PDB file of N, CA and C in Angstrom:
ATOM      1  N   MET A   1    -125.137 107.696  15.298  1.00  0.00           N
ATOM      2  CA  MET A   1    -125.323 108.810  16.228  1.00  0.00           C
ATOM      3  C   MET A   1    -126.083 108.353  17.493  1.00  0.00           C
ATOM      4  N   SER A   2    -125.552 108.732  18.516  1.00  0.00           N
ATOM      5  CA  SER A   2    -126.207 108.373  19.890  1.00  0.00           C
ATOM      6  C   SER A   2    -127.266 109.337  20.157  1.00  0.00           C
ATOM      7  N   LEU A   3    -128.501 108.848  20.419  1.00  0.00           N
ATOM      8  CA  LEU A   3    -129.505 109.704  20.722  1.00  0.00           C
ATOM      9  C   LEU A   3    -129.875 109.703  22.260  1.00  0.00           C
ATOM     10  N   ARG A   4    -130.515 110.524  22.794  1.00  0.00           N
ATOM     11  CA  ARG A   4    -131.094 110.541  24.144  1.00  0.00           C
ATOM     12  C   ARG A   4    -132.668 110.723  24.061  1.00  0.00           C
ATOM     13  N   LEU A   5    -133.313 109.648  24.433  1.00  0.00           N
ATOM     14  CA  LEU A   5    -134.736 109.656  24.418  1.00  0.00           C
ATOM     15  C   LEU A   5    -135.486 109.526  25.708  1.00  0.00           C
ATOM     16  N   LEU A   6    -136.537 110.295  25.897  1.00  0.00           N
ATOM     17  CA  LEU A   6    -137.335 110.182  26.908  1.00  0.00           C
ATOM     18  C   LEU A   6    -138.708 109.334  26.557  1.00  0.00           C
ATOM     19  N   VAL A   7    -138.751 108.235  27.380  1.00  0.00           N
ATOM     20  CA  VAL A   7    -139.789 107.215  26.997  1.00  0.00           C
ATOM     21  C   VAL A   7    -140.889 107.339  28.132  1.00  0.00           C
ATOM     22  N   VAL A   8    -142.057 107.608  27.867  1.00  0.00           N
ATOM     23  CA  VAL A   8    -143.095 107.804  28.906  1.00  0.00           C
ATOM     24  C   VAL A   8    -144.194 106.858  28.623  1.00  0.00           C
ATOM     25  N   ASP A   9    -144.367 105.891  29.546  1.00  0.00           N
ATOM     26  CA  ASP A   9    -145.469 104.987  29.541  1.00  0.00           C
ATOM     27  C   ASP A   9    -145.818 104.450  30.901  1.00  0.00           C
ATOM     28  N   ASP A  10    -147.121 104.309  31.145  1.00  0.00           N
ATOM     29  CA  ASP A  10    -147.454 103.906  32.488  1.00  0.00           C
ATOM     30  C   ASP A  10    -147.332 102.418  32.774  1.00  0.00           C
ATOM     31  N   GLN A  11    -147.088 101.599  31.861  1.00  0.00           N
ATOM     32  CA  GLN A  11    -146.848 100.153  32.004  1.00  0.00           C
ATOM     33  C   GLN A  11    -145.413  99.905  32.007  1.00  0.00           C
ATOM     34  N   GLU A  12    -145.013  99.336  33.131  1.00  0.00           N
ATOM     35  CA  GLU A  12    -143.471  99.064  33.324  1.00  0.00           C
ATOM     36  C   GLU A  12    -143.055  98.091  32.284  1.00  0.00           C
ATOM     37  N   ASP A  13    -143.881  97.054  31.900  1.00  0.00           N
ATOM     38  CA  ASP A  13    -143.297  96.044  30.938  1.00  0.00           C
ATOM     39  C   ASP A  13    -143.117  96.624  29.524  1.00  0.00           C
ATOM     40  N   ILE A  14    -143.908  97.583  29.190  1.00  0.00           N
ATOM     41  CA  ILE A  14    -143.766  98.253  27.936  1.00  0.00           C
ATOM     42  C   ILE A  14    -142.561  99.108  28.035  1.00  0.00           C
ATOM     43  N   ARG A  15    -142.227  99.877  29.052  1.00  0.00           N
ATOM     44  CA  ARG A  15    -141.160 100.740  29.200  1.00  0.00           C
ATOM     45  C   ARG A  15    -139.850  99.839  29.081  1.00  0.00           C
ATOM     46  N   LEU A  16    -139.935  98.726  29.657  1.00  0.00           N
ATOM     47  CA  LEU A  16    -138.712  97.789  29.649  1.00  0.00           C
ATOM     48  C   LEU A  16    -138.483  97.356  28.139  1.00  0.00           C
ATOM     49  N   ILE A  17    -139.457  96.963  27.512  1.00  0.00           N
ATOM     50  CA  ILE A  17    -139.439  96.445  26.140  1.00  0.00           C
ATOM     51  C   ILE A  17    -138.876  97.662  25.216  1.00  0.00           C
ATOM     52  N   LEU A  18    -139.322  98.865  25.408  1.00  0.00           N
ATOM     53  CA  LEU A  18    -138.901  99.977  24.662  1.00  0.00           C
ATOM     54  C   LEU A  18    -137.425 100.303  24.966  1.00  0.00           C
ATOM     55  N   GLN A  19    -137.194 100.204  26.225  1.00  0.00           N
ATOM     56  CA  GLN A  19    -135.804 100.566  26.712  1.00  0.00           C
ATOM     57  C   GLN A  19    -134.799  99.561  26.038  1.00  0.00           C
ATOM     58  N   ILE A  20    -135.122  98.249  25.973  1.00  0.00           N
ATOM     59  CA  ILE A  20    -134.297  97.211  25.279  1.00  0.00           C
ATOM     60  C   ILE A  20    -134.185  97.503  23.790  1.00  0.00           C
ATOM     61  N   LEU A  21    -135.278  97.701  23.249  1.00  0.00           N
ATOM     62  CA  LEU A  21    -135.300  97.907  21.793  1.00  0.00           C
ATOM     63  C   LEU A  21    -134.568  99.205  21.373  1.00  0.00           C
ATOM     64  N   LEU A  22    -134.586 100.236  22.035  1.00  0.00           N
ATOM     65  CA  LEU A  22    -134.079 101.546  21.685  1.00  0.00           C
ATOM     66  C   LEU A  22    -132.524 101.481  22.081  1.00  0.00           C
ATOM     67  N   GLU A  23    -132.220 100.939  23.173  1.00  0.00           N
ATOM     68  CA  GLU A  23    -130.815 100.851  23.567  1.00  0.00           C
ATOM     69  C   GLU A  23    -130.040  99.867  22.730  1.00  0.00           C
ATOM     70  N   ASP A  24    -130.809  98.837  22.138  1.00  0.00           N
ATOM     71  CA  ASP A  24    -130.225  98.001  21.065  1.00  0.00           C
ATOM     72  C   ASP A  24    -129.768  98.771  19.765  1.00  0.00           C
ATOM     73  N   GLN A  25    -130.411  99.849  19.651  1.00  0.00           N
ATOM     74  CA  GLN A  25    -130.071 100.742  18.462  1.00  0.00           C
ATOM     75  C   GLN A  25    -128.864 101.585  18.763  1.00  0.00           C
ATOM     76  N   GLY A  26    -128.330 101.501  20.108  1.00  0.00           N
ATOM     77  CA  GLY A  26    -127.214 102.310  20.460  1.00  0.00           C
ATOM     78  C   GLY A  26    -127.739 103.749  21.065  1.00  0.00           C
ATOM     79  N   TRP A  27    -129.108 103.761  21.377  1.00  0.00           N
ATOM     80  CA  TRP A  27    -129.654 105.130  21.922  1.00  0.00           C
ATOM     81  C   TRP A  27    -129.801 104.939  23.419  1.00  0.00           C
ATOM     82  N   ASP A  28    -129.633 106.036  24.096  1.00  0.00           N
ATOM     83  CA  ASP A  28    -129.870 106.118  25.437  1.00  0.00           C
ATOM     84  C   ASP A  28    -131.246 106.505  25.724  1.00  0.00           C
ATOM     85  N   THR A  29    -131.867 105.874  26.766  1.00  0.00           N
ATOM     86  CA  THR A  29    -133.153 106.172  27.220  1.00  0.00           C
ATOM     87  C   THR A  29    -133.283 106.555  28.643  1.00  0.00           C
ATOM     88  N   GLU A  30    -134.134 107.413  28.900  1.00  0.00           N
ATOM     89  CA  GLU A  30    -134.589 107.736  30.326  1.00  0.00           C
ATOM     90  C   GLU A  30    -136.072 107.499  30.391  1.00  0.00           C
ATOM     91  N   GLN A  31    -136.587 107.122  31.379  1.00  0.00           N
ATOM     92  CA  GLN A  31    -138.044 106.696  31.463  1.00  0.00           C
ATOM     93  C   GLN A  31    -138.823 107.502  32.560  1.00  0.00           C
ATOM     94  N   ALA A  32    -140.050 107.680  32.177  1.00  0.00           N
ATOM     95  CA  ALA A  32    -141.068 108.296  33.163  1.00  0.00           C
ATOM     96  C   ALA A  32    -142.238 107.491  33.156  1.00  0.00           C
ATOM     97  N   GLU A  33    -142.937 107.226  34.339  1.00  0.00           N
ATOM     98  CA  GLU A  33    -143.917 106.332  34.366  1.00  0.00           C
ATOM     99  C   GLU A  33    -145.389 106.964  34.285  1.00  0.00           C
ATOM    100  N   SER A  34    -145.375 108.239  34.053  1.00  0.00           N
ATOM    101  CA  SER A  34    -146.657 109.086  33.953  1.00  0.00           C
ATOM    102  C   SER A  34    -146.287 110.330  33.150  1.00  0.00           C
ATOM    103  N   GLY A  35    -147.377 111.016  32.756  1.00  0.00           N
ATOM    104  CA  GLY A  35    -147.274 112.156  32.125  1.00  0.00           C
ATOM    105  C   GLY A  35    -146.887 113.203  33.160  1.00  0.00           C
ATOM    106  N   GLU A  36    -147.280 113.144  34.349  1.00  0.00           N
ATOM    107  CA  GLU A  36    -146.833 114.093  35.373  1.00  0.00           C
ATOM    108  C   GLU A  36    -145.374 113.911  35.664  1.00  0.00           C
ATOM    109  N   ASP A  37    -144.891 112.672  35.637  1.00  0.00           N
ATOM    110  CA  ASP A  37    -143.435 112.515  35.891  1.00  0.00           C
ATOM    111  C   ASP A  37    -142.576 113.130  34.733  1.00  0.00           C
ATOM    112  N   ALA A  38    -143.193 113.029  33.531  1.00  0.00           N
ATOM    113  CA  ALA A  38    -142.528 113.485  32.369  1.00  0.00           C
ATOM    114  C   ALA A  38    -142.291 115.054  32.433  1.00  0.00           C
ATOM    115  N   LEU A  39    -143.560 115.647  32.889  1.00  0.00           N
ATOM    116  CA  LEU A  39    -143.379 117.112  33.058  1.00  0.00           C
ATOM    117  C   LEU A  39    -142.367 117.650  34.113  1.00  0.00           C
ATOM    118  N   LYS A  40    -142.120 116.744  35.129  1.00  0.00           N
ATOM    119  CA  LYS A  40    -141.245 117.030  36.101  1.00  0.00           C
ATOM    120  C   LYS A  40    -139.918 117.196  35.491  1.00  0.00           C
ATOM    121  N   LEU A  41    -139.555 116.562  34.295  1.00  0.00           N
ATOM    122  CA  LEU A  41    -138.352 116.608  33.590  1.00  0.00           C
ATOM    123  C   LEU A  41    -138.276 117.743  32.597  1.00  0.00           C
ATOM    124  N   GLU A  42    -139.241 118.495  32.515  1.00  0.00           N
ATOM    125  CA  GLU A  42    -139.350 119.524  31.524  1.00  0.00           C
ATOM    126  C   GLU A  42    -138.127 120.520  31.520  1.00  0.00           C
ATOM    127  N   TYR A  43    -137.590 120.643  32.790  1.00  0.00           N
ATOM    128  CA  TYR A  43    -136.461 121.601  32.985  1.00  0.00           C
ATOM    129  C   TYR A  43    -135.161 121.083  32.232  1.00  0.00           C
ATOM    130  N   ARG A  44    -135.273 119.821  31.930  1.00  0.00           N
ATOM    131  CA  ARG A  44    -134.196 119.144  31.214  1.00  0.00           C
ATOM    132  C   ARG A  44    -134.459 118.905  29.792  1.00  0.00           C
ATOM    133  N   MET A  45    -135.327 119.556  29.207  1.00  0.00           N
ATOM    134  CA  MET A  45    -135.853 119.213  27.855  1.00  0.00           C
ATOM    135  C   MET A  45    -134.816 119.274  26.808  1.00  0.00           C
ATOM    136  N   ALA A  46    -133.842 120.117  27.070  1.00  0.00           N
ATOM    137  CA  ALA A  46    -132.616 120.153  26.068  1.00  0.00           C
ATOM    138  C   ALA A  46    -131.819 118.986  26.083  1.00  0.00           C
ATOM    139  N   ASP A  47    -131.883 118.101  27.091  1.00  0.00           N
ATOM    140  CA  ASP A  47    -131.254 116.853  27.239  1.00  0.00           C
ATOM    141  C   ASP A  47    -131.757 115.719  26.249  1.00  0.00           C
ATOM    142  N   PHE A  48    -132.962 115.921  25.713  1.00  0.00           N
ATOM    143  CA  PHE A  48    -133.606 114.937  24.972  1.00  0.00           C
ATOM    144  C   PHE A  48    -133.624 115.258  23.474  1.00  0.00           C
ATOM    145  N   ASP A  49    -133.193 114.241  22.691  1.00  0.00           N
ATOM    146  CA  ASP A  49    -133.380 114.377  21.290  1.00  0.00           C
ATOM    147  C   ASP A  49    -134.789 114.112  20.756  1.00  0.00           C
ATOM    148  N   ALA A  50    -135.522 113.323  21.533  1.00  0.00           N
ATOM    149  CA  ALA A  50    -136.945 113.107  21.034  1.00  0.00           C
ATOM    150  C   ALA A  50    -137.670 112.542  22.366  1.00  0.00           C
ATOM    151  N   LEU A  51    -138.995 112.734  22.267  1.00  0.00           N
ATOM    152  CA  LEU A  51    -139.898 112.102  23.319  1.00  0.00           C
ATOM    153  C   LEU A  51    -140.694 111.048  22.593  1.00  0.00           C
ATOM    154  N   VAL A  52    -140.895 109.903  23.324  1.00  0.00           N
ATOM    155  CA  VAL A  52    -141.705 108.863  22.895  1.00  0.00           C
ATOM    156  C   VAL A  52    -142.783 108.671  24.010  1.00  0.00           C
ATOM    157  N   LEU A  53    -144.034 108.973  23.619  1.00  0.00           N
ATOM    158  CA  LEU A  53    -145.103 108.948  24.633  1.00  0.00           C
ATOM    159  C   LEU A  53    -146.225 108.057  24.412  1.00  0.00           C
ATOM    160  N   ASP A  54    -146.642 107.428  25.397  1.00  0.00           N
ATOM    161  CA  ASP A  54    -147.830 106.557  25.221  1.00  0.00           C
ATOM    162  C   ASP A  54    -149.070 107.482  25.212  1.00  0.00           C
ATOM    163  N   TYR A  55    -149.931 107.107  24.383  1.00  0.00           N
ATOM    164  CA  TYR A  55    -151.147 108.077  24.155  1.00  0.00           C
ATOM    165  C   TYR A  55    -152.037 107.884  25.325  1.00  0.00           C
ATOM    166  N   LYS A  56    -152.354 106.736  25.796  1.00  0.00           N
ATOM    167  CA  LYS A  56    -153.397 106.481  26.764  1.00  0.00           C
ATOM    168  C   LYS A  56    -152.698 106.141  28.187  1.00  0.00           C
ATOM    169  N   MET A  57    -152.668 107.091  29.136  1.00  0.00           N
ATOM    170  CA  MET A  57    -152.184 106.937  30.377  1.00  0.00           C
ATOM    171  C   MET A  57    -153.259 107.655  31.311  1.00  0.00           C
ATOM    172  N   PRO A  58    -153.345 107.162  32.516  1.00  0.00           N
ATOM    173  CA  PRO A  58    -154.073 107.798  33.490  1.00  0.00           C
ATOM    174  C   PRO A  58    -153.575 109.242  33.867  1.00  0.00           C
ATOM    175  N   GLY A  59    -154.375 110.118  34.146  1.00  0.00           N
ATOM    176  CA  GLY A  59    -153.839 111.495  34.498  1.00  0.00           C
ATOM    177  C   GLY A  59    -153.690 112.208  33.168  1.00  0.00           C
ATOM    178  N   LEU A  60    -152.516 112.612  32.947  1.00  0.00           N
ATOM    179  CA  LEU A  60    -152.208 113.539  31.735  1.00  0.00           C
ATOM    180  C   LEU A  60    -151.804 112.261  30.670  1.00  0.00           C
ATOM    181  N   ASP A  61    -152.569 112.372  29.489  1.00  0.00           N
ATOM    182  CA  ASP A  61    -152.243 111.449  28.428  1.00  0.00           C
ATOM    183  C   ASP A  61    -151.071 111.976  27.535  1.00  0.00           C
ATOM    184  N   GLY A  62    -150.608 111.253  26.629  1.00  0.00           N
ATOM    185  CA  GLY A  62    -149.506 111.564  25.818  1.00  0.00           C
ATOM    186  C   GLY A  62    -149.656 112.896  25.156  1.00  0.00           C
ATOM    187  N   MET A  63    -150.881 113.028  24.519  1.00  0.00           N
ATOM    188  CA  MET A  63    -151.255 114.242  23.701  1.00  0.00           C
ATOM    189  C   MET A  63    -151.064 115.447  24.649  1.00  0.00           C
ATOM    190  N   GLU A  64    -151.503 115.440  25.831  1.00  0.00           N
ATOM    191  CA  GLU A  64    -151.428 116.599  26.780  1.00  0.00           C
ATOM    192  C   GLU A  64    -149.934 116.881  27.165  1.00  0.00           C
ATOM    193  N   VAL A  65    -149.231 115.821  27.367  1.00  0.00           N
ATOM    194  CA  VAL A  65    -147.730 116.022  27.661  1.00  0.00           C
ATOM    195  C   VAL A  65    -147.105 116.568  26.546  1.00  0.00           C
ATOM    196  N   ALA A  66    -147.360 116.130  25.267  1.00  0.00           N
ATOM    197  CA  ALA A  66    -146.705 116.817  24.031  1.00  0.00           C
ATOM    198  C   ALA A  66    -147.213 118.139  24.006  1.00  0.00           C
ATOM    199  N   ARG A  67    -148.449 118.450  24.077  1.00  0.00           N
ATOM    200  CA  ARG A  67    -148.831 119.868  24.170  1.00  0.00           C
ATOM    201  C   ARG A  67    -148.162 120.760  25.048  1.00  0.00           C
ATOM    202  N   ARG A  68    -147.933 120.317  26.249  1.00  0.00           N
ATOM    203  CA  ARG A  68    -147.219 121.084  27.249  1.00  0.00           C
ATOM    204  C   ARG A  68    -145.759 121.293  27.019  1.00  0.00           C
ATOM    205  N   PHE A  69    -145.111 120.209  26.526  1.00  0.00           N
ATOM    206  CA  PHE A  69    -143.790 120.323  26.147  1.00  0.00           C
ATOM    207  C   PHE A  69    -143.615 121.332  24.939  1.00  0.00           C
ATOM    208  N   ARG A  70    -144.448 121.286  23.967  1.00  0.00           N
ATOM    209  CA  ARG A  70    -144.518 122.185  22.753  1.00  0.00           C
ATOM    210  C   ARG A  70    -144.715 123.627  23.316  1.00  0.00           C
ATOM    211  N   GLU A  71    -145.550 123.873  24.288  1.00  0.00           N
ATOM    212  CA  GLU A  71    -145.764 125.180  24.814  1.00  0.00           C
ATOM    213  C   GLU A  71    -144.638 125.695  25.631  1.00  0.00           C
ATOM    214  N   SER A  72    -143.741 124.795  26.088  1.00  0.00           N
ATOM    215  CA  SER A  72    -142.515 125.227  26.818  1.00  0.00           C
ATOM    216  C   SER A  72    -141.369 125.401  25.839  1.00  0.00           C
ATOM    217  N   GLY A  73    -141.626 125.204  24.635  1.00  0.00           N
ATOM    218  CA  GLY A  73    -140.491 125.466  23.669  1.00  0.00           C
ATOM    219  C   GLY A  73    -139.831 124.277  23.138  1.00  0.00           C
ATOM    220  N   PHE A  74    -140.147 123.142  23.477  1.00  0.00           N
ATOM    221  CA  PHE A  74    -139.502 121.892  22.988  1.00  0.00           C
ATOM    222  C   PHE A  74    -139.857 121.719  21.434  1.00  0.00           C
ATOM    223  N   LYS A  75    -138.795 121.795  20.681  1.00  0.00           N
ATOM    224  CA  LYS A  75    -138.956 121.873  19.158  1.00  0.00           C
ATOM    225  C   LYS A  75    -138.591 120.384  18.535  1.00  0.00           C
ATOM    226  N   ARG A  76    -137.966 119.657  19.468  1.00  0.00           N
ATOM    227  CA  ARG A  76    -137.433 118.289  18.833  1.00  0.00           C
ATOM    228  C   ARG A  76    -138.602 117.340  18.530  1.00  0.00           C
ATOM    229  N   PRO A  77    -138.403 116.216  17.929  1.00  0.00           N
ATOM    230  CA  PRO A  77    -139.464 115.323  17.573  1.00  0.00           C
ATOM    231  C   PRO A  77    -140.115 114.717  18.863  1.00  0.00           C
ATOM    232  N   ILE A  78    -141.528 114.539  18.656  1.00  0.00           N
ATOM    233  CA  ILE A  78    -142.285 113.842  19.594  1.00  0.00           C
ATOM    234  C   ILE A  78    -143.124 112.736  18.836  1.00  0.00           C
ATOM    235  N   ILE A  79    -142.983 111.593  19.400  1.00  0.00           N
ATOM    236  CA  ILE A  79    -143.707 110.401  18.767  1.00  0.00           C
ATOM    237  C   ILE A  79    -144.601 109.888  19.718  1.00  0.00           C
ATOM    238  N   ILE A  80    -145.880 109.906  19.341  1.00  0.00           N
ATOM    239  CA  ILE A  80    -146.976 109.270  20.263  1.00  0.00           C
ATOM    240  C   ILE A  80    -147.343 107.814  19.859  1.00  0.00           C
ATOM    241  N   CYS A  81    -147.264 106.952  20.777  1.00  0.00           N
ATOM    242  CA  CYS A  81    -147.592 105.602  20.447  1.00  0.00           C
ATOM    243  C   CYS A  81    -149.008 105.200  21.019  1.00  0.00           C
ATOM    244  N   SER A  82    -149.673 104.516  20.268  1.00  0.00           N
ATOM    245  CA  SER A  82    -151.052 104.106  20.613  1.00  0.00           C
ATOM    246  C   SER A  82    -151.386 102.652  20.066  1.00  0.00           C
ATOM    247  N   ALA A  83    -152.014 101.939  20.866  1.00  0.00           N
ATOM    248  CA  ALA A  83    -152.497 100.588  20.516  1.00  0.00           C
ATOM    249  C   ALA A  83    -153.583 100.800  19.382  1.00  0.00           C
ATOM    250  N   HIS A  84    -154.319 101.873  19.539  1.00  0.00           N
ATOM    251  CA  HIS A  84    -155.439 102.016  18.555  1.00  0.00           C
ATOM    252  C   HIS A  84    -155.337 103.384  17.804  1.00  0.00           C
ATOM    253  N   LEU A  85    -154.538 103.306  16.685  1.00  0.00           N
ATOM    254  CA  LEU A  85    -154.545 104.547  15.901  1.00  0.00           C
ATOM    255  C   LEU A  85    -155.736 104.889  15.248  1.00  0.00           C
ATOM    256  N   ASN A  86    -156.150 106.090  15.061  1.00  0.00           N
ATOM    257  CA  ASN A  86    -157.311 106.470  14.401  1.00  0.00           C
ATOM    258  C   ASN A  86    -157.056 107.815  13.738  1.00  0.00           C
ATOM    259  N   PRO A  87    -157.952 108.306  12.729  1.00  0.00           N
ATOM    260  CA  PRO A  87    -157.694 109.581  12.075  1.00  0.00           C
ATOM    261  C   PRO A  87    -157.688 110.711  12.989  1.00  0.00           C
ATOM    262  N   GLN A  88    -158.553 110.711  13.998  1.00  0.00           N
ATOM    263  CA  GLN A  88    -158.664 111.861  14.893  1.00  0.00           C
ATOM    264  C   GLN A  88    -157.377 112.001  15.678  1.00  0.00           C
ATOM    265  N   LEU A  89    -156.937 110.984  16.204  1.00  0.00           N
ATOM    266  CA  LEU A  89    -155.634 110.928  17.047  1.00  0.00           C
ATOM    267  C   LEU A  89    -154.457 111.470  16.166  1.00  0.00           C
ATOM    268  N   GLU A  90    -154.396 110.884  14.985  1.00  0.00           N
ATOM    269  CA  GLU A  90    -153.327 111.382  13.996  1.00  0.00           C
ATOM    270  C   GLU A  90    -153.409 112.805  13.634  1.00  0.00           C
ATOM    271  N   GLN A  91    -154.657 113.370  13.503  1.00  0.00           N
ATOM    272  CA  GLN A  91    -154.869 114.757  13.137  1.00  0.00           C
ATOM    273  C   GLN A  91    -154.406 115.582  14.310  1.00  0.00           C
ATOM    274  N   GLU A  92    -154.921 115.158  15.457  1.00  0.00           N
ATOM    275  CA  GLU A  92    -154.598 115.848  16.676  1.00  0.00           C
ATOM    276  C   GLU A  92    -153.052 115.987  16.874  1.00  0.00           C
ATOM    277  N   ALA A  93    -152.402 114.867  16.625  1.00  0.00           N
ATOM    278  CA  ALA A  93    -150.901 114.812  16.765  1.00  0.00           C
ATOM    279  C   ALA A  93    -150.309 115.772  15.760  1.00  0.00           C
ATOM    280  N   THR A  94    -150.676 115.613  14.491  1.00  0.00           N
ATOM    281  CA  THR A  94    -150.045 116.470  13.495  1.00  0.00           C
ATOM    282  C   THR A  94    -150.194 117.964  13.810  1.00  0.00           C
ATOM    283  N   THR A  95    -151.358 118.358  14.366  1.00  0.00           N
ATOM    284  CA  THR A  95    -151.645 119.693  14.802  1.00  0.00           C
ATOM    285  C   THR A  95    -150.610 120.157  15.808  1.00  0.00           C
ATOM    286  N   ILE A  96    -150.118 119.266  16.574  1.00  0.00           N
ATOM    287  CA  ILE A  96    -149.080 119.797  17.526  1.00  0.00           C
ATOM    288  C   ILE A  96    -147.731 119.454  17.143  1.00  0.00           C
ATOM    289  N   GLY A  97    -147.534 118.963  15.919  1.00  0.00           N
ATOM    290  CA  GLY A  97    -146.167 118.617  15.392  1.00  0.00           C
ATOM    291  C   GLY A  97    -145.593 117.352  15.956  1.00  0.00           C
ATOM    292  N   ALA A  98    -146.455 116.399  16.171  1.00  0.00           N
ATOM    293  CA  ALA A  98    -145.984 115.041  16.614  1.00  0.00           C
ATOM    294  C   ALA A  98    -146.420 114.085  15.651  1.00  0.00           C
ATOM    295  N   ALA A  99    -145.538 112.867  15.669  1.00  0.00           N
ATOM    296  CA  ALA A  99    -145.844 111.634  14.701  1.00  0.00           C
ATOM    297  C   ALA A  99    -146.582 110.634  15.518  1.00  0.00           C
ATOM    298  N   THR A 100    -147.191 109.786  14.950  1.00  0.00           N
ATOM    299  CA  THR A 100    -147.874 108.658  15.601  1.00  0.00           C
ATOM    300  C   THR A 100    -147.368 107.345  15.146  1.00  0.00           C
ATOM    301  N   VAL A 101    -147.415 106.447  15.969  1.00  0.00           N
ATOM    302  CA  VAL A 101    -146.920 105.063  15.633  1.00  0.00           C
ATOM    303  C   VAL A 101    -147.783 103.963  16.413  1.00  0.00           C
ATOM    304  N   SER A 102    -148.068 102.913  15.766  1.00  0.00           N
ATOM    305  CA  SER A 102    -148.869 101.912  16.470  1.00  0.00           C
ATOM    306  C   SER A 102    -147.856 101.146  17.489  1.00  0.00           C
ATOM    307  N   LYS A 103    -148.426 100.962  18.773  1.00  0.00           N
ATOM    308  CA  LYS A 103    -147.538 100.217  19.678  1.00  0.00           C
ATOM    309  C   LYS A 103    -147.196  98.805  19.209  1.00  0.00           C
ATOM    310  N   SER A 104    -147.940  98.237  18.286  1.00  0.00           N
ATOM    311  CA  SER A 104    -147.640  96.906  17.990  1.00  0.00           C
ATOM    312  C   SER A 104    -146.594  96.695  16.880  1.00  0.00           C
ATOM    313  N   ASP A 105    -146.069  97.982  16.430  1.00  0.00           N
ATOM    314  CA  ASP A 105    -145.171  97.871  15.244  1.00  0.00           C
ATOM    315  C   ASP A 105    -143.823  98.524  15.758  1.00  0.00           C
ATOM    316  N   LEU A 106    -143.020  97.745  16.454  1.00  0.00           N
ATOM    317  CA  LEU A 106    -141.886  98.265  17.071  1.00  0.00           C
ATOM    318  C   LEU A 106    -140.724  98.577  15.972  1.00  0.00           C
ATOM    319  N   LYS A 107    -140.887  97.953  14.704  1.00  0.00           N
ATOM    320  CA  LYS A 107    -139.886  98.285  13.711  1.00  0.00           C
ATOM    321  C   LYS A 107    -140.353  99.712  13.176  1.00  0.00           C
ATOM    322  N   GLU A 108    -141.543  99.967  13.065  1.00  0.00           N
ATOM    323  CA  GLU A 108    -142.081 101.310  12.624  1.00  0.00           C
ATOM    324  C   GLU A 108    -141.709 102.405  13.458  1.00  0.00           C
ATOM    325  N   LEU A 109    -141.569 102.107  14.868  1.00  0.00           N
ATOM    326  CA  LEU A 109    -141.187 103.108  15.820  1.00  0.00           C
ATOM    327  C   LEU A 109    -139.802 103.407  15.641  1.00  0.00           C
ATOM    328  N   VAL A 110    -138.910 102.328  15.490  1.00  0.00           N
ATOM    329  CA  VAL A 110    -137.412 102.669  15.306  1.00  0.00           C
ATOM    330  C   VAL A 110    -137.287 103.506  14.031  1.00  0.00           C
ATOM    331  N   ALA A 111    -137.984 103.080  12.909  1.00  0.00           N
ATOM    332  CA  ALA A 111    -137.961 103.770  11.549  1.00  0.00           C
ATOM    333  C   ALA A 111    -138.376 105.232  11.729  1.00  0.00           C
ATOM    334  N   THR A 112    -139.550 105.501  12.589  1.00  0.00           N
ATOM    335  CA  THR A 112    -140.036 106.864  12.688  1.00  0.00           C
ATOM    336  C   THR A 112    -138.913 107.702  13.470  1.00  0.00           C
ATOM    337  N   ILE A 113    -138.415 107.117  14.582  1.00  0.00           N
ATOM    338  CA  ILE A 113    -137.326 107.885  15.260  1.00  0.00           C
ATOM    339  C   ILE A 113    -136.248 108.118  14.360  1.00  0.00           C
ATOM    340  N   ARG A 114    -135.768 107.360  13.605  1.00  0.00           N
ATOM    341  CA  ARG A 114    -134.599 107.500  12.566  1.00  0.00           C
ATOM    342  C   ARG A 114    -135.006 108.628  11.619  1.00  0.00           C
ATOM    343  N   ARG A 115    -136.254 108.530  11.003  1.00  0.00           N
ATOM    344  CA  ARG A 115    -136.648 109.515  10.150  1.00  0.00           C
ATOM    345  C   ARG A 115    -136.872 110.976  10.850  1.00  0.00           C
ATOM    346  N   GLU A 116    -137.540 110.976  11.951  1.00  0.00           N
ATOM    347  CA  GLU A 116    -137.780 112.235  12.648  1.00  0.00           C
ATOM    348  C   GLU A 116    -136.571 112.974  13.176  1.00  0.00           C
ATOM    349  N   VAL A 117    -135.536 112.132  13.662  1.00  0.00           N
ATOM    350  CA  VAL A 117    -134.512 112.671  14.400  1.00  0.00           C
ATOM    351  C   VAL A 117    -133.213 112.699  13.575  1.00  0.00           C
ATOM    352  N   LEU A 118    -133.009 111.804  12.840  1.00  0.00           N
ATOM    353  CA  LEU A 118    -131.636 111.630  12.096  1.00  0.00           C
ATOM    354  C   LEU A 118    -131.551 112.295  10.761  1.00  0.00           C
ATOM    355  N   GLU A 119    -132.791 112.479  10.102  1.00  0.00           N
ATOM    356  CA  GLU A 119    -132.814 112.953   8.690  1.00  0.00           C
ATOM    357  C   GLU A 119    -133.057 114.496   8.671  1.00  0.00           C
TER     358      GLU A 119
END
């Protein structure tokens, strides 16, 4: 199944790695380089099967972007990636209906997308 994913990360090299990884799975990606840029795409939220958000970004972090998408009615999966997962971050993500994945485990990111979106 072809998926359309919005990838939000403030680091260009990470966005490129994620684009290659996810498109290698046969999935389409669109990218935003900040939380603010992601929210500008909110009017198109029906276009995306899932959001992949960096947790730590200047300005609006991934958790705040996830909250705002949820408040706007986005019901599809949201995956928050962080270099440093911790119980507080995981609990906060669970509260807003988002999954968490370590940025260093790209296989787990793909598995989480498959689990959250395709099952």
